[in-house]
Amino acid sequence: MIREFGQLSGFFTAPARGGDPSSLIVIMHGWGADASDLADLAYPISVRFPGAAFFVPNAPDACSMNPMGRQWFDLGDVTDGPQAAARVILPSVQAACDELGLDSGALALTGFSQGGMMSLHCGLAMDPPPAAIVSFSGALLQKDAIAGLEARPAVMLVHGTDDAVVPFSMMETASDSLAEHGIEATCVSRPGLGHGIDPDALTAAIDFLADALPG
C-alpha cells in the first residue's frame, strides 16, 4: 500500500506475521529511479524478518535528467543537496517510527546508489542512531558531518567491483573515513558485479541486519 510519513510517500508493507511491527526497515532508491524500483526487496527480507515493517519512499524531487524518475539531491550539489534531503528524510523517518511505536534501536536505514549515500548521511547524523545502516553501491558524502555520538550504528557497505557508476574505490574511502570516527564498517565486495544488487549482496545484508535488529 502507499503511505505517507512526514513529507515522504511510498510503498509501505506491514509485518508479514501481522500485528505490531518489531522493527522498521527503510529502503531508499537510487538517482533517477523511484520507490517502485526497490519495493520488491521487502518480500525476500520479510522472510527473515516477519515482524518488520518496510517503508520504501519516493525521493522528494523530480530527477533533473529524467523527469519520470526522482532524486534525493541534484548530482551537481553534493554539499547543500544532501543536507536539504536530510531535512525531509529525517523527520519523515521519525514520523514513521512514532506512528509505529518504535524507537531508533528498531530502525534500519538502507538504500542503493544515491539512496545508499543518503542512508549513510542521515543514519550517521541521527541522535540516537539507528540500529543499522546498509549502503549498496553508495558513498560517504560528507565525512565531517558524522555526528559525535557515544552510540554507534552498525554499518554495512556493499559494492560491486565492476561498478562503473559509483566506483568501487568509494567503499574503501567510506570505510576509512568511518574508522577515523570509531565506526568499523562491515564491507562486502561483490566480484564482477556492476552497479546493482545481486542475490549474494542481498543475502549478506539480511544476515547483517539479523544481528542488529530485533527479531
C-alpha atoms as a PDB file:
ATOM      1  CA  MET A   1       0.000   0.000   0.000  1.00  0.00           C
ATOM      2  CA  ILE A   2       1.015   3.634  -0.375  1.00  0.00           C
ATOM      3  CA  ARG A   3       1.580   5.505   2.881  1.00  0.00           C
ATOM      4  CA  GLU A   4       2.776   8.986   3.734  1.00  0.00           C
ATOM      5  CA  PHE A   5       5.021   9.791   6.664  1.00  0.00           C
ATOM      6  CA  GLY A   6       6.034  13.402   7.046  1.00  0.00           C
ATOM      7  CA  GLN A   7       6.811  14.800   3.604  1.00  0.00           C
ATOM      8  CA  LEU A   8       7.619  11.421   2.028  1.00  0.00           C
ATOM      9  CA  SER A   9       5.220   8.934   0.498  1.00  0.00           C
ATOM     10  CA  GLY A  10       5.886   5.495  -0.884  1.00  0.00           C
ATOM     11  CA  PHE A  11       5.312   1.801  -0.518  1.00  0.00           C
ATOM     12  CA  PHE A  12       4.549   0.548   2.985  1.00  0.00           C
ATOM     13  CA  THR A  13       4.492  -3.132   3.860  1.00  0.00           C
ATOM     14  CA  ALA A  14       3.102  -4.250   7.204  1.00  0.00           C
ATOM     15  CA  PRO A  15       4.714  -7.138   9.115  1.00  0.00           C
ATOM     16  CA  ALA A  16       4.252 -10.478   7.368  1.00  0.00           C
ATOM     17  CA  ARG A  17       3.225 -12.094  10.661  1.00  0.00           C
ATOM     18  CA  GLY A  18       0.610  -9.431  11.320  1.00  0.00           C
ATOM     19  CA  GLY A  19       0.261  -7.327  14.441  1.00  0.00           C
ATOM     20  CA  ASP A  20       2.512  -4.522  15.570  1.00  0.00           C
ATOM     21  CA  PRO A  21       5.945  -4.258  13.961  1.00  0.00           C
ATOM     22  CA  SER A  22       9.091  -5.129  15.892  1.00  0.00           C
ATOM     23  CA  SER A  23      11.279  -3.099  13.539  1.00  0.00           C
ATOM     24  CA  LEU A  24      11.183  -0.703  10.600  1.00  0.00           C
ATOM     25  CA  ILE A  25      13.394  -1.098   7.529  1.00  0.00           C
ATOM     26  CA  VAL A  26      13.572   1.953   5.274  1.00  0.00           C
ATOM     27  CA  ILE A  27      14.816   1.381   1.704  1.00  0.00           C
ATOM     28  CA  MET A  28      15.824   4.410  -0.412  1.00  0.00           C
ATOM     29  CA  HIS A  29      16.084   4.161  -4.194  1.00  0.00           C
ATOM     30  CA  GLY A  30      18.788   5.474  -6.495  1.00  0.00           C
ATOM     31  CA  TRP A  31      19.025   8.619  -8.587  1.00  0.00           C
ATOM     32  CA  GLY A  32      16.598   8.719 -11.496  1.00  0.00           C
ATOM     33  CA  ALA A  33      14.518   5.797 -10.214  1.00  0.00           C
ATOM     34  CA  ASP A  34      11.564   5.797  -7.834  1.00  0.00           C
ATOM     35  CA  ALA A  35      10.210   3.721  -4.965  1.00  0.00           C
ATOM     36  CA  SER A  36       8.872   1.007  -7.285  1.00  0.00           C
ATOM     37  CA  ASP A  37      12.457   0.160  -8.250  1.00  0.00           C
ATOM     38  CA  LEU A  38      13.226  -1.364  -4.829  1.00  0.00           C
ATOM     39  CA  ALA A  39       9.774  -2.075  -3.406  1.00  0.00           C
ATOM     40  CA  ASP A  40      10.075  -5.775  -4.251  1.00  0.00           C
ATOM     41  CA  LEU A  41      13.018  -6.140  -1.859  1.00  0.00           C
ATOM     42  CA  ALA A  42      10.599  -6.070   1.056  1.00  0.00           C
ATOM     43  CA  TYR A  43       9.413  -9.615   0.370  1.00  0.00           C
ATOM     44  CA  PRO A  44      12.728 -11.524   0.491  1.00  0.00           C
ATOM     45  CA  ILE A  45      13.809  -9.532   3.529  1.00  0.00           C
ATOM     46  CA  SER A  46      10.493 -10.164   5.286  1.00  0.00           C
ATOM     47  CA  VAL A  47      11.073 -13.924   5.083  1.00  0.00           C
ATOM     48  CA  ARG A  48      13.861 -13.427   7.628  1.00  0.00           C
ATOM     49  CA  PHE A  49      12.091 -10.551   9.411  1.00  0.00           C
ATOM     50  CA  PRO A  50       8.383 -11.419   9.639  1.00  0.00           C
ATOM     51  CA  GLY A  51       7.931  -8.768  12.315  1.00  0.00           C
ATOM     52  CA  ALA A  52       9.428  -5.941  10.262  1.00  0.00           C
ATOM     53  CA  ALA A  53       7.525  -3.147   8.582  1.00  0.00           C
ATOM     54  CA  PHE A  54       9.005  -1.677   5.396  1.00  0.00           C
ATOM     55  CA  PHE A  55       8.863   1.854   4.043  1.00  0.00           C
ATOM     56  CA  VAL A  56      10.195   2.458   0.535  1.00  0.00           C
ATOM     57  CA  PRO A  57       9.704   6.186  -0.120  1.00  0.00           C
ATOM     58  CA  ASN A  58       9.895   8.221  -3.278  1.00  0.00           C
ATOM     59  CA  ALA A  59      12.572  10.900  -3.253  1.00  0.00           C
ATOM     60  CA  PRO A  60      11.076  14.382  -2.882  1.00  0.00           C
ATOM     61  CA  ASP A  61      12.275  15.918  -6.158  1.00  0.00           C
ATOM     62  CA  ALA A  62      11.839  15.125  -9.845  1.00  0.00           C
ATOM     63  CA  CYS A  63      15.107  13.951 -11.369  1.00  0.00           C
ATOM     64  CA  SER A  64      16.942  16.750 -13.164  1.00  0.00           C
ATOM     65  CA  MET A  65      17.880  14.441 -16.080  1.00  0.00           C
ATOM     66  CA  ASN A  66      14.937  12.034 -16.053  1.00  0.00           C
ATOM     67  CA  PRO A  67      11.599  13.704 -15.272  1.00  0.00           C
ATOM     68  CA  MET A  68       9.960  10.287 -14.946  1.00  0.00           C
ATOM     69  CA  GLY A  69      12.253   9.477 -12.009  1.00  0.00           C
ATOM     70  CA  ARG A  70      13.095  11.060  -8.683  1.00  0.00           C
ATOM     71  CA  GLN A  71      16.227  12.297  -6.945  1.00  0.00           C
ATOM     72  CA  TRP A  72      17.240  12.889  -3.348  1.00  0.00           C
ATOM     73  CA  PHE A  73      19.505  15.707  -4.487  1.00  0.00           C
ATOM     74  CA  ASP A  74      20.943  17.099  -7.708  1.00  0.00           C
ATOM     75  CA  LEU A  75      24.208  15.408  -8.646  1.00  0.00           C
ATOM     76  CA  GLY A  76      25.814  18.810  -9.103  1.00  0.00           C
ATOM     77  CA  ASP A  77      25.215  19.747  -5.475  1.00  0.00           C
ATOM     78  CA  VAL A  78      26.840  17.286  -3.087  1.00  0.00           C
ATOM     79  CA  THR A  79      27.241  19.926  -0.369  1.00  0.00           C
ATOM     80  CA  ASP A  80      23.878  21.547   0.263  1.00  0.00           C
ATOM     81  CA  GLY A  81      21.786  18.955  -1.587  1.00  0.00           C
ATOM     82  CA  PRO A  82      22.244  16.084   0.883  1.00  0.00           C
ATOM     83  CA  GLN A  83      21.608  18.425   3.803  1.00  0.00           C
ATOM     84  CA  ALA A  84      18.343  19.595   2.238  1.00  0.00           C
ATOM     85  CA  ALA A  85      17.317  15.989   1.572  1.00  0.00           C
ATOM     86  CA  ALA A  86      18.115  15.030   5.152  1.00  0.00           C
ATOM     87  CA  ARG A  87      15.794  17.770   6.392  1.00  0.00           C
ATOM     88  CA  VAL A  88      12.996  15.900   4.614  1.00  0.00           C
ATOM     89  CA  ILE A  89      14.095  12.326   5.276  1.00  0.00           C
ATOM     90  CA  LEU A  90      14.861  12.504   8.995  1.00  0.00           C
ATOM     91  CA  PRO A  91      11.510  13.978  10.138  1.00  0.00           C
ATOM     92  CA  SER A  92       9.680  11.549   7.858  1.00  0.00           C
ATOM     93  CA  VAL A  93      11.512   8.560   9.312  1.00  0.00           C
ATOM     94  CA  GLN A  94      10.844   9.854  12.797  1.00  0.00           C
ATOM     95  CA  ALA A  95       7.151  10.251  11.958  1.00  0.00           C
ATOM     96  CA  ALA A  96       7.056   6.639  10.778  1.00  0.00           C
ATOM     97  CA  CYS A  97       8.764   5.411  13.954  1.00  0.00           C
ATOM     98  CA  ASP A  98       6.400   7.446  16.132  1.00  0.00           C
ATOM     99  CA  GLU A  99       3.309   6.138  14.358  1.00  0.00           C
ATOM    100  CA  LEU A 100       4.538   2.555  14.545  1.00  0.00           C
ATOM    101  CA  GLY A 101       5.613   2.847  18.183  1.00  0.00           C
ATOM    102  CA  LEU A 102       9.290   2.123  17.502  1.00  0.00           C
ATOM    103  CA  ASP A 103      12.495   3.731  18.710  1.00  0.00           C
ATOM    104  CA  SER A 104      15.740   4.147  16.791  1.00  0.00           C
ATOM    105  CA  GLY A 105      17.046   0.847  18.139  1.00  0.00           C
ATOM    106  CA  ALA A 106      14.489  -0.912  15.934  1.00  0.00           C
ATOM    107  CA  LEU A 107      15.283   1.104  12.799  1.00  0.00           C
ATOM    108  CA  ALA A 108      17.444   0.245   9.795  1.00  0.00           C
ATOM    109  CA  LEU A 109      18.200   2.759   7.048  1.00  0.00           C
ATOM    110  CA  THR A 110      19.146   1.115   3.781  1.00  0.00           C
ATOM    111  CA  GLY A 111      19.478   2.284   0.213  1.00  0.00           C
ATOM    112  CA  PHE A 112      21.005   1.827  -3.229  1.00  0.00           C
ATOM    113  CA  SER A 113      23.336   4.253  -5.021  1.00  0.00           C
ATOM    114  CA  GLN A 114      22.152   7.778  -4.141  1.00  0.00           C
ATOM    115  CA  GLY A 115      19.749   6.187  -1.688  1.00  0.00           C
ATOM    116  CA  GLY A 116      22.701   4.368  -0.123  1.00  0.00           C
ATOM    117  CA  MET A 117      24.504   7.691   0.167  1.00  0.00           C
ATOM    118  CA  MET A 118      21.507   9.166   1.955  1.00  0.00           C
ATOM    119  CA  SER A 119      21.159   6.165   4.269  1.00  0.00           C
ATOM    120  CA  LEU A 120      24.715   6.854   5.434  1.00  0.00           C
ATOM    121  CA  HIS A 121      24.309  10.615   5.511  1.00  0.00           C
ATOM    122  CA  CYS A 122      21.107  10.501   7.560  1.00  0.00           C
ATOM    123  CA  GLY A 123      21.892   7.499   9.731  1.00  0.00           C
ATOM    124  CA  LEU A 124      25.250   8.898  10.840  1.00  0.00           C
ATOM    125  CA  ALA A 125      23.604  12.174  11.805  1.00  0.00           C
ATOM    126  CA  MET A 126      20.838  10.656  13.946  1.00  0.00           C
ATOM    127  CA  ASP A 127      20.966  11.016  17.723  1.00  0.00           C
ATOM    128  CA  PRO A 128      20.258   8.423  18.949  1.00  0.00           C
ATOM    129  CA  PRO A 129      21.432   6.495  15.890  1.00  0.00           C
ATOM    130  CA  PRO A 130      19.537   3.762  14.058  1.00  0.00           C
ATOM    131  CA  ALA A 131      20.365   0.163  14.833  1.00  0.00           C
ATOM    132  CA  ALA A 132      21.805  -0.400  11.369  1.00  0.00           C
ATOM    133  CA  ILE A 133      22.743   1.254   8.080  1.00  0.00           C
ATOM    134  CA  VAL A 134      23.232  -0.638   4.825  1.00  0.00           C
ATOM    135  CA  SER A 135      24.565   1.198   1.779  1.00  0.00           C
ATOM    136  CA  PHE A 136      24.520  -0.669  -1.545  1.00  0.00           C
ATOM    137  CA  SER A 137      26.764   0.893  -4.206  1.00  0.00           C
ATOM    138  CA  GLY A 138      26.827   4.150  -2.285  1.00  0.00           C
ATOM    139  CA  ALA A 139      29.392   6.574  -0.906  1.00  0.00           C
ATOM    140  CA  LEU A 140      30.052   8.697   2.156  1.00  0.00           C
ATOM    141  CA  LEU A 141      29.242  12.206   1.000  1.00  0.00           C
ATOM    142  CA  GLN A 142      30.452  14.358   3.886  1.00  0.00           C
ATOM    143  CA  LYS A 143      32.652  12.666   6.465  1.00  0.00           C
ATOM    144  CA  ASP A 144      32.777  15.821   8.565  1.00  0.00           C
ATOM    145  CA  ALA A 145      29.012  15.574   9.046  1.00  0.00           C
ATOM    146  CA  ILE A 146      29.287  12.381  11.105  1.00  0.00           C
ATOM    147  CA  ALA A 147      27.733  13.138  14.456  1.00  0.00           C
ATOM    148  CA  GLY A 148      29.904  12.799  17.549  1.00  0.00           C
ATOM    149  CA  LEU A 149      27.691  10.191  19.160  1.00  0.00           C
ATOM    150  CA  GLU A 150      28.515   7.908  22.056  1.00  0.00           C
ATOM    151  CA  ALA A 151      26.445   5.120  20.492  1.00  0.00           C
ATOM    152  CA  ARG A 152      27.398   3.951  17.022  1.00  0.00           C
ATOM    153  CA  PRO A 153      25.171   2.277  14.436  1.00  0.00           C
ATOM    154  CA  ALA A 154      26.188  -0.969  12.789  1.00  0.00           C
ATOM    155  CA  VAL A 155      27.206  -0.101   9.221  1.00  0.00           C
ATOM    156  CA  MET A 156      27.495  -2.345   6.171  1.00  0.00           C
ATOM    157  CA  LEU A 157      28.902  -1.200   2.826  1.00  0.00           C
ATOM    158  CA  VAL A 158      28.187  -3.422  -0.201  1.00  0.00           C
ATOM    159  CA  HIS A 159      29.758  -2.700  -3.584  1.00  0.00           C
ATOM    160  CA  GLY A 160      30.359  -4.401  -6.910  1.00  0.00           C
ATOM    161  CA  THR A 161      33.965  -4.441  -8.056  1.00  0.00           C
ATOM    162  CA  ASP A 162      32.913  -3.559 -11.621  1.00  0.00           C
ATOM    163  CA  ASP A 163      30.666  -0.627 -10.708  1.00  0.00           C
ATOM    164  CA  ALA A 164      31.060   1.961 -13.480  1.00  0.00           C
ATOM    165  CA  VAL A 165      28.637   4.470 -11.914  1.00  0.00           C
ATOM    166  CA  VAL A 166      29.859   4.794  -8.334  1.00  0.00           C
ATOM    167  CA  PRO A 167      33.447   3.493  -8.328  1.00  0.00           C
ATOM    168  CA  PHE A 168      34.269   0.506  -6.139  1.00  0.00           C
ATOM    169  CA  SER A 169      37.035   2.568  -4.522  1.00  0.00           C
ATOM    170  CA  MET A 170      34.345   4.673  -2.832  1.00  0.00           C
ATOM    171  CA  MET A 171      33.655   1.772  -0.475  1.00  0.00           C
ATOM    172  CA  GLU A 172      37.224   1.771   0.835  1.00  0.00           C
ATOM    173  CA  THR A 173      37.189   5.562   1.101  1.00  0.00           C
ATOM    174  CA  ALA A 174      33.988   5.439   3.127  1.00  0.00           C
ATOM    175  CA  SER A 175      35.289   2.616   5.318  1.00  0.00           C
ATOM    176  CA  ASP A 176      38.489   4.532   6.101  1.00  0.00           C
ATOM    177  CA  SER A 177      36.566   7.703   6.958  1.00  0.00           C
ATOM    178  CA  LEU A 178      34.175   5.811   9.211  1.00  0.00           C
ATOM    179  CA  ALA A 179      37.088   4.146  11.001  1.00  0.00           C
ATOM    180  CA  GLU A 180      38.520   7.584  11.747  1.00  0.00           C
ATOM    181  CA  HIS A 181      35.289   8.263  13.645  1.00  0.00           C
ATOM    182  CA  GLY A 182      35.337   4.967  15.524  1.00  0.00           C
ATOM    183  CA  ILE A 183      32.924   3.113  13.256  1.00  0.00           C
ATOM    184  CA  GLU A 184      34.163  -0.214  11.907  1.00  0.00           C
ATOM    185  CA  ALA A 185      32.040  -0.878   8.844  1.00  0.00           C
ATOM    186  CA  THR A 186      31.390  -4.357   7.527  1.00  0.00           C
ATOM    187  CA  CYS A 187      32.464  -4.279   3.867  1.00  0.00           C
ATOM    188  CA  VAL A 188      31.183  -6.729   1.266  1.00  0.00           C
ATOM    189  CA  SER A 189      32.868  -6.793  -2.147  1.00  0.00           C
ATOM    190  CA  ARG A 190      30.915  -8.415  -4.972  1.00  0.00           C
ATOM    191  CA  PRO A 191      33.405  -9.591  -7.640  1.00  0.00           C
ATOM    192  CA  GLY A 192      32.292  -8.847 -11.185  1.00  0.00           C
ATOM    193  CA  LEU A 193      29.134  -7.007 -10.118  1.00  0.00           C
ATOM    194  CA  GLY A 194      28.372  -3.673 -11.729  1.00  0.00           C
ATOM    195  CA  HIS A 195      26.025  -1.021 -10.379  1.00  0.00           C
ATOM    196  CA  GLY A 196      23.361  -3.180  -8.788  1.00  0.00           C
ATOM    197  CA  ILE A 197      22.284  -5.545  -6.034  1.00  0.00           C
ATOM    198  CA  ASP A 198      22.746  -9.250  -6.667  1.00  0.00           C
ATOM    199  CA  PRO A 199      21.346 -12.150  -4.586  1.00  0.00           C
ATOM    200  CA  ASP A 200      24.585 -12.607  -2.647  1.00  0.00           C
ATOM    201  CA  ALA A 201      24.692  -8.921  -1.769  1.00  0.00           C
ATOM    202  CA  LEU A 202      21.110  -9.043  -0.520  1.00  0.00           C
ATOM    203  CA  THR A 203      21.775 -12.213   1.489  1.00  0.00           C
ATOM    204  CA  ALA A 204      24.789 -10.591   3.144  1.00  0.00           C
ATOM    205  CA  ALA A 205      22.686  -7.566   4.067  1.00  0.00           C
ATOM    206  CA  ILE A 206      19.906  -9.720   5.509  1.00  0.00           C
ATOM    207  CA  ASP A 207      22.410 -11.662   7.640  1.00  0.00           C
ATOM    208  CA  PHE A 208      23.899  -8.373   8.809  1.00  0.00           C
ATOM    209  CA  LEU A 209      20.534  -6.917   9.758  1.00  0.00           C
ATOM    210  CA  ALA A 210      19.682 -10.067  11.680  1.00  0.00           C
ATOM    211  CA  ASP A 211      22.487  -9.247  14.123  1.00  0.00           C
ATOM    212  CA  ALA A 212      21.350  -5.638  14.556  1.00  0.00           C
ATOM    213  CA  LEU A 213      17.554  -5.563  14.589  1.00  0.00           C
ATOM    214  CA  PRO A 214      15.004  -7.056  16.998  1.00  0.00           C
ATOM    215  CA  GLY A 215      13.564 -10.353  15.784  1.00  0.00           C
END
